[in-house]
Amino acid sequence: MKHLYPIFLVLLALLTVPCQTTAQDLGNKVSEANLNNPDDVLLMAPPRNINQKAEGSPYIDDTFSPAQVNNLEKTSLMRYNAAQDLMEVMQDDGSAMVLSKAIRYRVALKDGSGKVYENHVFLEDGEKKNGYFIPLGSVGKDKVLYKKEFIKFVKGQLAKSSLEQDIPPRFERTKDRFYVNEGANGDLVELPTSKNVFIKAFPEKNLKSFFKKHRPDLKSPEGLKKVLEHYYGQ
């Protein structure tokens, strides 16, 4: 693969740094030009599995699918680990590495699904993180609606008596969430599912009459796209 730089880092925290990470942050393993070149890919050793004995799967799709990263001509076999918010890349020896989030990626699956993943900085509980999102289309000038897939890890429980059975740990697919690049520096912010909270979050236009007339479903991408296009004037 063109321009592959395997980087073995111990600190998992580096996986969630913003895209403005500098070469020094990566231990001077790469030059500043590498971080700004859309043809470059940085690979890191994957973190330890959450729990190999857990039921279910941390992946949206367990299968490694052919995918194109940024402007690279050659495709790679990849899959999305939603439980840990990582994009895995299969190596020639069958092992997996993960994309370092020090670079902005566009991962286009070539499995016929048309699915595209992009990593962006987003806000969660007031904290900045870096994760993978699926762009769903423009909703205004320089504004895009995104979907984020979630799988959570649920710890197991030991039986409290001989009449009960142990509950094994498991991975559980949870509801998708939707975001728009409304934050500072284009950071993604989660869209509320409550009408009243949504109206307060977007105060620059009176949305009450729009909600009353159109009754958009804030839990569906179609409903969100309708109200955001109205808000941003598209």
C-alpha atoms as a PDB file:
ATOM      1  CA  MET A   1       0.000   0.000   0.000  1.00  0.00           C
ATOM      2  CA  LYS A   2       1.219   3.482  -0.845  1.00  0.00           C
ATOM      3  CA  HIS A   3       2.724   5.493   2.029  1.00  0.00           C
ATOM      4  CA  LEU A   4       2.004   3.227   4.969  1.00  0.00           C
ATOM      5  CA  TYR A   5       3.690   4.161   8.230  1.00  0.00           C
ATOM      6  CA  PRO A   6       3.168   1.500  10.965  1.00  0.00           C
ATOM      7  CA  ILE A   7       3.402   3.186  14.339  1.00  0.00           C
ATOM      8  CA  PHE A   8       3.308   1.167  17.520  1.00  0.00           C
ATOM      9  CA  LEU A   9       2.000   3.375  20.314  1.00  0.00           C
ATOM     10  CA  VAL A  10       1.223   2.271  23.824  1.00  0.00           C
ATOM     11  CA  LEU A  11      -1.037   5.068  24.941  1.00  0.00           C
ATOM     12  CA  LEU A  12      -4.639   4.453  23.919  1.00  0.00           C
ATOM     13  CA  ALA A  13      -5.405   8.093  24.673  1.00  0.00           C
ATOM     14  CA  LEU A  14      -3.726   9.088  21.421  1.00  0.00           C
ATOM     15  CA  LEU A  15      -6.564   7.422  19.551  1.00  0.00           C
ATOM     16  CA  THR A  16      -8.940  10.184  20.571  1.00  0.00           C
ATOM     17  CA  VAL A  17      -6.778  13.251  19.981  1.00  0.00           C
ATOM     18  CA  PRO A  18      -8.148  15.949  17.666  1.00  0.00           C
ATOM     19  CA  CYS A  19      -7.110  16.073  14.038  1.00  0.00           C
ATOM     20  CA  GLN A  20      -4.744  18.971  14.768  1.00  0.00           C
ATOM     21  CA  THR A  21      -2.269  16.514  16.355  1.00  0.00           C
ATOM     22  CA  THR A  22       1.319  17.459  15.517  1.00  0.00           C
ATOM     23  CA  ALA A  23       4.177  15.233  14.471  1.00  0.00           C
ATOM     24  CA  GLN A  24       5.767  15.767  17.866  1.00  0.00           C
ATOM     25  CA  ASP A  25       2.655  14.269  19.505  1.00  0.00           C
ATOM     26  CA  LEU A  26       3.352  11.080  17.553  1.00  0.00           C
ATOM     27  CA  GLY A  27       6.908  10.839  18.850  1.00  0.00           C
ATOM     28  CA  ASN A  28       8.483  12.449  15.761  1.00  0.00           C
ATOM     29  CA  LYS A  29       7.858   9.217  13.854  1.00  0.00           C
ATOM     30  CA  VAL A  30       6.441  11.122  10.877  1.00  0.00           C
ATOM     31  CA  SER A  31       6.956  14.526   9.367  1.00  0.00           C
ATOM     32  CA  GLU A  32       4.437  17.364   9.468  1.00  0.00           C
ATOM     33  CA  ALA A  33       3.948  16.866   5.731  1.00  0.00           C
ATOM     34  CA  ASN A  34       2.692  13.340   6.350  1.00  0.00           C
ATOM     35  CA  LEU A  35      -0.085  14.656   8.590  1.00  0.00           C
ATOM     36  CA  ASN A  36      -1.330  17.049   5.917  1.00  0.00           C
ATOM     37  CA  ASN A  37      -1.001  14.736   2.913  1.00  0.00           C
ATOM     38  CA  PRO A  38      -4.321  13.086   1.968  1.00  0.00           C
ATOM     39  CA  ASP A  39      -2.386  10.196   0.402  1.00  0.00           C
ATOM     40  CA  ASP A  40      -0.774   9.222   3.708  1.00  0.00           C
ATOM     41  CA  VAL A  41      -2.101   6.643   6.134  1.00  0.00           C
ATOM     42  CA  LEU A  42      -0.859   6.205   9.695  1.00  0.00           C
ATOM     43  CA  LEU A  43      -1.316   2.794  11.284  1.00  0.00           C
ATOM     44  CA  MET A  44      -1.180   1.956  14.969  1.00  0.00           C
ATOM     45  CA  ALA A  45      -1.162  -1.249  16.972  1.00  0.00           C
ATOM     46  CA  PRO A  46      -4.731  -2.030  18.079  1.00  0.00           C
ATOM     47  CA  PRO A  47      -5.654  -1.690  21.760  1.00  0.00           C
ATOM     48  CA  ARG A  48      -6.396  -4.724  23.874  1.00  0.00           C
ATOM     49  CA  ASN A  49      -9.787  -6.280  23.183  1.00  0.00           C
ATOM     50  CA  ILE A  50     -12.458  -5.238  25.659  1.00  0.00           C
ATOM     51  CA  ASN A  51     -13.479  -8.826  26.334  1.00  0.00           C
ATOM     52  CA  GLN A  52     -12.883 -11.724  23.979  1.00  0.00           C
ATOM     53  CA  LYS A  53     -15.397 -13.915  25.836  1.00  0.00           C
ATOM     54  CA  ALA A  54     -18.272 -11.460  25.461  1.00  0.00           C
ATOM     55  CA  GLU A  55     -21.365 -12.438  23.511  1.00  0.00           C
ATOM     56  CA  GLY A  56     -22.158 -10.504  20.372  1.00  0.00           C
ATOM     57  CA  SER A  57     -19.665  -8.487  18.357  1.00  0.00           C
ATOM     58  CA  PRO A  58     -17.939  -5.096  18.675  1.00  0.00           C
ATOM     59  CA  TYR A  59     -18.202  -4.724  14.881  1.00  0.00           C
ATOM     60  CA  ILE A  60     -21.002  -3.347  12.749  1.00  0.00           C
ATOM     61  CA  ASP A  61     -19.960  -6.043  10.270  1.00  0.00           C
ATOM     62  CA  ASP A  62     -17.482  -8.729  11.322  1.00  0.00           C
ATOM     63  CA  THR A  63     -16.299  -9.129   7.732  1.00  0.00           C
ATOM     64  CA  PHE A  64     -13.315  -7.168   6.447  1.00  0.00           C
ATOM     65  CA  SER A  65     -14.581  -5.369   3.339  1.00  0.00           C
ATOM     66  CA  PRO A  66     -12.576  -3.774   0.538  1.00  0.00           C
ATOM     67  CA  ALA A  67     -12.319  -0.036   1.115  1.00  0.00           C
ATOM     68  CA  GLN A  68     -10.592   2.987  -0.358  1.00  0.00           C
ATOM     69  CA  VAL A  69      -8.902   5.419   2.039  1.00  0.00           C
ATOM     70  CA  ASN A  70      -8.711   9.077   0.971  1.00  0.00           C
ATOM     71  CA  ASN A  71      -7.009   9.305  -2.440  1.00  0.00           C
ATOM     72  CA  LEU A  72      -5.148   6.011  -2.332  1.00  0.00           C
ATOM     73  CA  GLU A  73      -5.684   3.988  -5.505  1.00  0.00           C
ATOM     74  CA  LYS A  74      -5.241   0.573  -3.914  1.00  0.00           C
ATOM     75  CA  THR A  75      -8.059  -0.778  -1.763  1.00  0.00           C
ATOM     76  CA  SER A  76      -7.545  -2.358   1.662  1.00  0.00           C
ATOM     77  CA  LEU A  77      -9.606  -4.805   3.704  1.00  0.00           C
ATOM     78  CA  MET A  78     -11.208  -2.881   6.574  1.00  0.00           C
ATOM     79  CA  ARG A  79     -13.948  -3.051   9.202  1.00  0.00           C
ATOM     80  CA  TYR A  80     -15.373  -0.640  11.782  1.00  0.00           C
ATOM     81  CA  ASN A  81     -15.053  -1.483  15.474  1.00  0.00           C
ATOM     82  CA  ALA A  82     -17.994   0.536  16.812  1.00  0.00           C
ATOM     83  CA  ALA A  83     -17.459  -0.528  20.431  1.00  0.00           C
ATOM     84  CA  GLN A  84     -14.042   1.146  20.501  1.00  0.00           C
ATOM     85  CA  ASP A  85     -14.670   3.601  17.650  1.00  0.00           C
ATOM     86  CA  LEU A  86     -11.728   2.339  15.574  1.00  0.00           C
ATOM     87  CA  MET A  87     -11.178   1.536  11.914  1.00  0.00           C
ATOM     88  CA  GLU A  88      -9.252  -1.717  11.529  1.00  0.00           C
ATOM     89  CA  VAL A  89      -7.044  -2.586   8.544  1.00  0.00           C
ATOM     90  CA  MET A  90      -6.121  -6.187   7.752  1.00  0.00           C
ATOM     91  CA  GLN A  91      -2.394  -6.771   7.171  1.00  0.00           C
ATOM     92  CA  ASP A  92      -0.761  -9.266   4.814  1.00  0.00           C
ATOM     93  CA  ASP A  93      -0.176 -11.691   7.692  1.00  0.00           C
ATOM     94  CA  GLY A  94      -3.862 -11.652   8.686  1.00  0.00           C
ATOM     95  CA  SER A  95      -3.370  -9.422  11.736  1.00  0.00           C
ATOM     96  CA  ALA A  96      -5.170  -6.094  12.155  1.00  0.00           C
ATOM     97  CA  MET A  97      -3.868  -2.579  12.672  1.00  0.00           C
ATOM     98  CA  VAL A  98      -5.981   0.543  13.245  1.00  0.00           C
ATOM     99  CA  LEU A  99      -5.964   3.927  11.562  1.00  0.00           C
ATOM    100  CA  SER A 100      -4.429   6.620  13.739  1.00  0.00           C
ATOM    101  CA  LYS A 101      -6.846   9.510  14.149  1.00  0.00           C
ATOM    102  CA  ALA A 102      -4.012  12.016  13.826  1.00  0.00           C
ATOM    103  CA  ILE A 103      -5.090  12.297  10.182  1.00  0.00           C
ATOM    104  CA  ARG A 104      -8.525  13.016   8.742  1.00  0.00           C
ATOM    105  CA  TYR A 105      -9.784  10.026   6.763  1.00  0.00           C
ATOM    106  CA  ARG A 106     -12.509   9.248   4.297  1.00  0.00           C
ATOM    107  CA  VAL A 107     -13.047   5.488   4.174  1.00  0.00           C
ATOM    108  CA  ALA A 108     -15.308   4.424   1.288  1.00  0.00           C
ATOM    109  CA  LEU A 109     -16.437   0.788   1.432  1.00  0.00           C
ATOM    110  CA  LYS A 110     -16.327  -1.017  -1.917  1.00  0.00           C
ATOM    111  CA  ASP A 111     -18.697  -3.824  -0.933  1.00  0.00           C
ATOM    112  CA  GLY A 112     -21.696  -2.461  -2.819  1.00  0.00           C
ATOM    113  CA  SER A 113     -23.191  -0.713   0.222  1.00  0.00           C
ATOM    114  CA  GLY A 114     -21.994   2.757  -0.767  1.00  0.00           C
ATOM    115  CA  LYS A 115     -21.144   3.368   2.877  1.00  0.00           C
ATOM    116  CA  VAL A 116     -18.587   6.046   3.725  1.00  0.00           C
ATOM    117  CA  TYR A 117     -16.938   6.757   7.082  1.00  0.00           C
ATOM    118  CA  GLU A 118     -15.172   9.987   8.050  1.00  0.00           C
ATOM    119  CA  ASN A 119     -13.449  10.742  11.323  1.00  0.00           C
ATOM    120  CA  HIS A 120     -14.301  14.065  12.960  1.00  0.00           C
ATOM    121  CA  VAL A 121     -13.853  15.847  16.259  1.00  0.00           C
ATOM    122  CA  PHE A 122     -17.119  15.827  18.209  1.00  0.00           C
ATOM    123  CA  LEU A 123     -18.419  16.868  21.596  1.00  0.00           C
ATOM    124  CA  GLU A 124     -19.608  14.327  24.156  1.00  0.00           C
ATOM    125  CA  ASP A 125     -20.547  15.480  27.646  1.00  0.00           C
ATOM    126  CA  GLY A 126     -18.535  18.652  27.066  1.00  0.00           C
ATOM    127  CA  GLU A 127     -15.402  16.679  26.123  1.00  0.00           C
ATOM    128  CA  LYS A 128     -13.798  16.697  22.689  1.00  0.00           C
ATOM    129  CA  LYS A 129     -13.308  13.280  21.104  1.00  0.00           C
ATOM    130  CA  ASN A 130     -12.415  11.971  17.668  1.00  0.00           C
ATOM    131  CA  GLY A 131     -14.583   9.323  16.061  1.00  0.00           C
ATOM    132  CA  TYR A 132     -16.067   7.915  12.882  1.00  0.00           C
ATOM    133  CA  PHE A 133     -19.280   9.176  11.295  1.00  0.00           C
ATOM    134  CA  ILE A 134     -21.316   8.483   8.176  1.00  0.00           C
ATOM    135  CA  PRO A 135     -22.118  11.647   6.172  1.00  0.00           C
ATOM    136  CA  LEU A 136     -25.780  11.725   5.129  1.00  0.00           C
ATOM    137  CA  GLY A 137     -25.722  14.816   2.929  1.00  0.00           C
ATOM    138  CA  SER A 138     -25.658  18.581   2.919  1.00  0.00           C
ATOM    139  CA  VAL A 139     -28.280  20.462   4.936  1.00  0.00           C
ATOM    140  CA  GLY A 140     -26.994  23.989   4.276  1.00  0.00           C
ATOM    141  CA  LYS A 141     -23.943  25.957   3.248  1.00  0.00           C
ATOM    142  CA  ASP A 142     -20.942  24.089   4.708  1.00  0.00           C
ATOM    143  CA  LYS A 143     -23.332  22.098   6.941  1.00  0.00           C
ATOM    144  CA  VAL A 144     -23.586  18.299   6.791  1.00  0.00           C
ATOM    145  CA  LEU A 145     -25.806  15.839   8.643  1.00  0.00           C
ATOM    146  CA  TYR A 146     -23.923  12.846  10.059  1.00  0.00           C
ATOM    147  CA  LYS A 147     -24.908   9.503  11.582  1.00  0.00           C
ATOM    148  CA  LYS A 148     -22.860   7.712  14.231  1.00  0.00           C
ATOM    149  CA  GLU A 149     -23.219   3.986  14.913  1.00  0.00           C
ATOM    150  CA  PHE A 150     -22.893   2.679  18.457  1.00  0.00           C
ATOM    151  CA  ILE A 151     -22.175  -0.653  20.087  1.00  0.00           C
ATOM    152  CA  LYS A 152     -21.766  -0.675  23.861  1.00  0.00           C
ATOM    153  CA  PHE A 153     -20.027  -3.190  26.064  1.00  0.00           C
ATOM    154  CA  VAL A 154     -22.159  -4.489  28.940  1.00  0.00           C
ATOM    155  CA  LYS A 155     -20.310  -6.121  31.816  1.00  0.00           C
ATOM    156  CA  GLY A 156     -21.380  -9.562  32.956  1.00  0.00           C
ATOM    157  CA  GLN A 157     -22.832 -10.384  36.364  1.00  0.00           C
ATOM    158  CA  LEU A 158     -22.141 -13.322  38.623  1.00  0.00           C
ATOM    159  CA  ALA A 159     -25.092 -15.287  39.936  1.00  0.00           C
ATOM    160  CA  LYS A 160     -26.123 -14.195  43.433  1.00  0.00           C
ATOM    161  CA  SER A 161     -27.397 -17.652  44.370  1.00  0.00           C
ATOM    162  CA  SER A 162     -27.452 -21.226  43.124  1.00  0.00           C
ATOM    163  CA  LEU A 163     -30.939 -20.559  41.745  1.00  0.00           C
ATOM    164  CA  GLU A 164     -29.583 -17.989  39.294  1.00  0.00           C
ATOM    165  CA  GLN A 165     -27.199 -18.181  36.384  1.00  0.00           C
ATOM    166  CA  ASP A 166     -24.255 -15.986  35.556  1.00  0.00           C
ATOM    167  CA  ILE A 167     -24.987 -13.294  32.992  1.00  0.00           C
ATOM    168  CA  PRO A 168     -22.092 -13.187  30.510  1.00  0.00           C
ATOM    169  CA  PRO A 169     -20.646  -9.907  29.244  1.00  0.00           C
ATOM    170  CA  ARG A 170     -21.992  -8.839  25.889  1.00  0.00           C
ATOM    171  CA  PHE A 171     -21.788  -6.310  23.104  1.00  0.00           C
ATOM    172  CA  GLU A 172     -25.092  -4.592  22.472  1.00  0.00           C
ATOM    173  CA  ARG A 173     -26.045  -2.586  19.375  1.00  0.00           C
ATOM    174  CA  THR A 174     -27.687   0.658  20.448  1.00  0.00           C
ATOM    175  CA  LYS A 175     -29.534   3.371  18.553  1.00  0.00           C
ATOM    176  CA  ASP A 176     -27.740   5.496  16.005  1.00  0.00           C
ATOM    177  CA  ARG A 177     -27.246   9.156  16.882  1.00  0.00           C
ATOM    178  CA  PHE A 178     -27.180  12.126  14.552  1.00  0.00           C
ATOM    179  CA  TYR A 179     -24.841  15.101  14.437  1.00  0.00           C
ATOM    180  CA  VAL A 180     -24.206  18.315  12.526  1.00  0.00           C
ATOM    181  CA  ASN A 181     -21.016  20.377  12.227  1.00  0.00           C
ATOM    182  CA  GLU A 182     -22.365  23.269  14.288  1.00  0.00           C
ATOM    183  CA  GLY A 183     -19.643  23.428  16.980  1.00  0.00           C
ATOM    184  CA  ALA A 184     -16.557  25.621  17.197  1.00  0.00           C
ATOM    185  CA  ASN A 185     -14.033  24.931  14.401  1.00  0.00           C
ATOM    186  CA  GLY A 186     -16.611  22.756  12.685  1.00  0.00           C
ATOM    187  CA  ASP A 187     -16.768  20.214  15.510  1.00  0.00           C
ATOM    188  CA  LEU A 188     -19.773  17.901  15.385  1.00  0.00           C
ATOM    189  CA  VAL A 189     -22.526  18.282  17.970  1.00  0.00           C
ATOM    190  CA  GLU A 190     -25.244  15.741  18.701  1.00  0.00           C
ATOM    191  CA  LEU A 191     -28.757  16.675  17.617  1.00  0.00           C
ATOM    192  CA  PRO A 192     -31.467  16.536  20.294  1.00  0.00           C
ATOM    193  CA  THR A 193     -34.395  14.158  19.863  1.00  0.00           C
ATOM    194  CA  SER A 194     -36.706  16.359  21.957  1.00  0.00           C
ATOM    195  CA  LYS A 195     -38.555  19.121  20.104  1.00  0.00           C
ATOM    196  CA  ASN A 196     -38.230  21.658  22.932  1.00  0.00           C
ATOM    197  CA  VAL A 197     -34.522  20.964  23.417  1.00  0.00           C
ATOM    198  CA  PHE A 198     -33.947  21.181  19.669  1.00  0.00           C
ATOM    199  CA  ILE A 199     -35.660  24.575  19.446  1.00  0.00           C
ATOM    200  CA  LYS A 200     -33.519  25.920  22.302  1.00  0.00           C
ATOM    201  CA  ALA A 201     -30.350  24.566  20.689  1.00  0.00           C
ATOM    202  CA  PHE A 202     -31.069  26.397  17.425  1.00  0.00           C
ATOM    203  CA  PRO A 203     -32.361  29.814  18.538  1.00  0.00           C
ATOM    204  CA  GLU A 204     -31.425  31.907  15.497  1.00  0.00           C
ATOM    205  CA  LYS A 205     -34.654  31.029  13.719  1.00  0.00           C
ATOM    206  CA  ASN A 206     -38.104  30.552  15.190  1.00  0.00           C
ATOM    207  CA  LEU A 207     -38.705  26.844  14.701  1.00  0.00           C
ATOM    208  CA  LYS A 208     -41.950  26.550  16.680  1.00  0.00           C
ATOM    209  CA  SER A 209     -44.204  27.231  13.713  1.00  0.00           C
ATOM    210  CA  PHE A 210     -42.167  24.889  11.510  1.00  0.00           C
ATOM    211  CA  PHE A 211     -42.528  22.036  14.009  1.00  0.00           C
ATOM    212  CA  LYS A 212     -46.230  22.709  14.395  1.00  0.00           C
ATOM    213  CA  LYS A 213     -46.817  22.622  10.645  1.00  0.00           C
ATOM    214  CA  HIS A 214     -44.477  19.827   9.529  1.00  0.00           C
ATOM    215  CA  ARG A 215     -44.044  17.694  12.688  1.00  0.00           C
ATOM    216  CA  PRO A 216     -40.584  16.371  11.704  1.00  0.00           C
ATOM    217  CA  ASP A 217     -39.399  13.137  13.294  1.00  0.00           C
ATOM    218  CA  LEU A 218     -36.202  14.064  15.124  1.00  0.00           C
ATOM    219  CA  LYS A 219     -35.237  10.398  15.479  1.00  0.00           C
ATOM    220  CA  SER A 220     -35.018   9.849  11.728  1.00  0.00           C
ATOM    221  CA  PRO A 221     -32.469  11.265   9.263  1.00  0.00           C
ATOM    222  CA  GLU A 222     -35.302  12.349   6.956  1.00  0.00           C
ATOM    223  CA  GLY A 223     -36.972  14.418   9.673  1.00  0.00           C
ATOM    224  CA  LEU A 224     -33.700  15.955  10.825  1.00  0.00           C
ATOM    225  CA  LYS A 225     -32.695  16.809   7.279  1.00  0.00           C
ATOM    226  CA  LYS A 226     -36.023  18.551   6.727  1.00  0.00           C
ATOM    227  CA  VAL A 227     -35.756  20.775   9.791  1.00  0.00           C
ATOM    228  CA  LEU A 228     -32.033  21.522   9.316  1.00  0.00           C
ATOM    229  CA  GLU A 229     -32.524  22.504   5.671  1.00  0.00           C
ATOM    230  CA  HIS A 230     -35.229  24.906   6.822  1.00  0.00           C
ATOM    231  CA  TYR A 231     -33.021  26.273   9.602  1.00  0.00           C
ATOM    232  CA  TYR A 232     -29.972  26.791   7.410  1.00  0.00           C
ATOM    233  CA  GLY A 233     -32.068  28.109   4.552  1.00  0.00           C
ATOM    234  CA  GLN A 234     -31.230  25.462   1.957  1.00  0.00           C
END
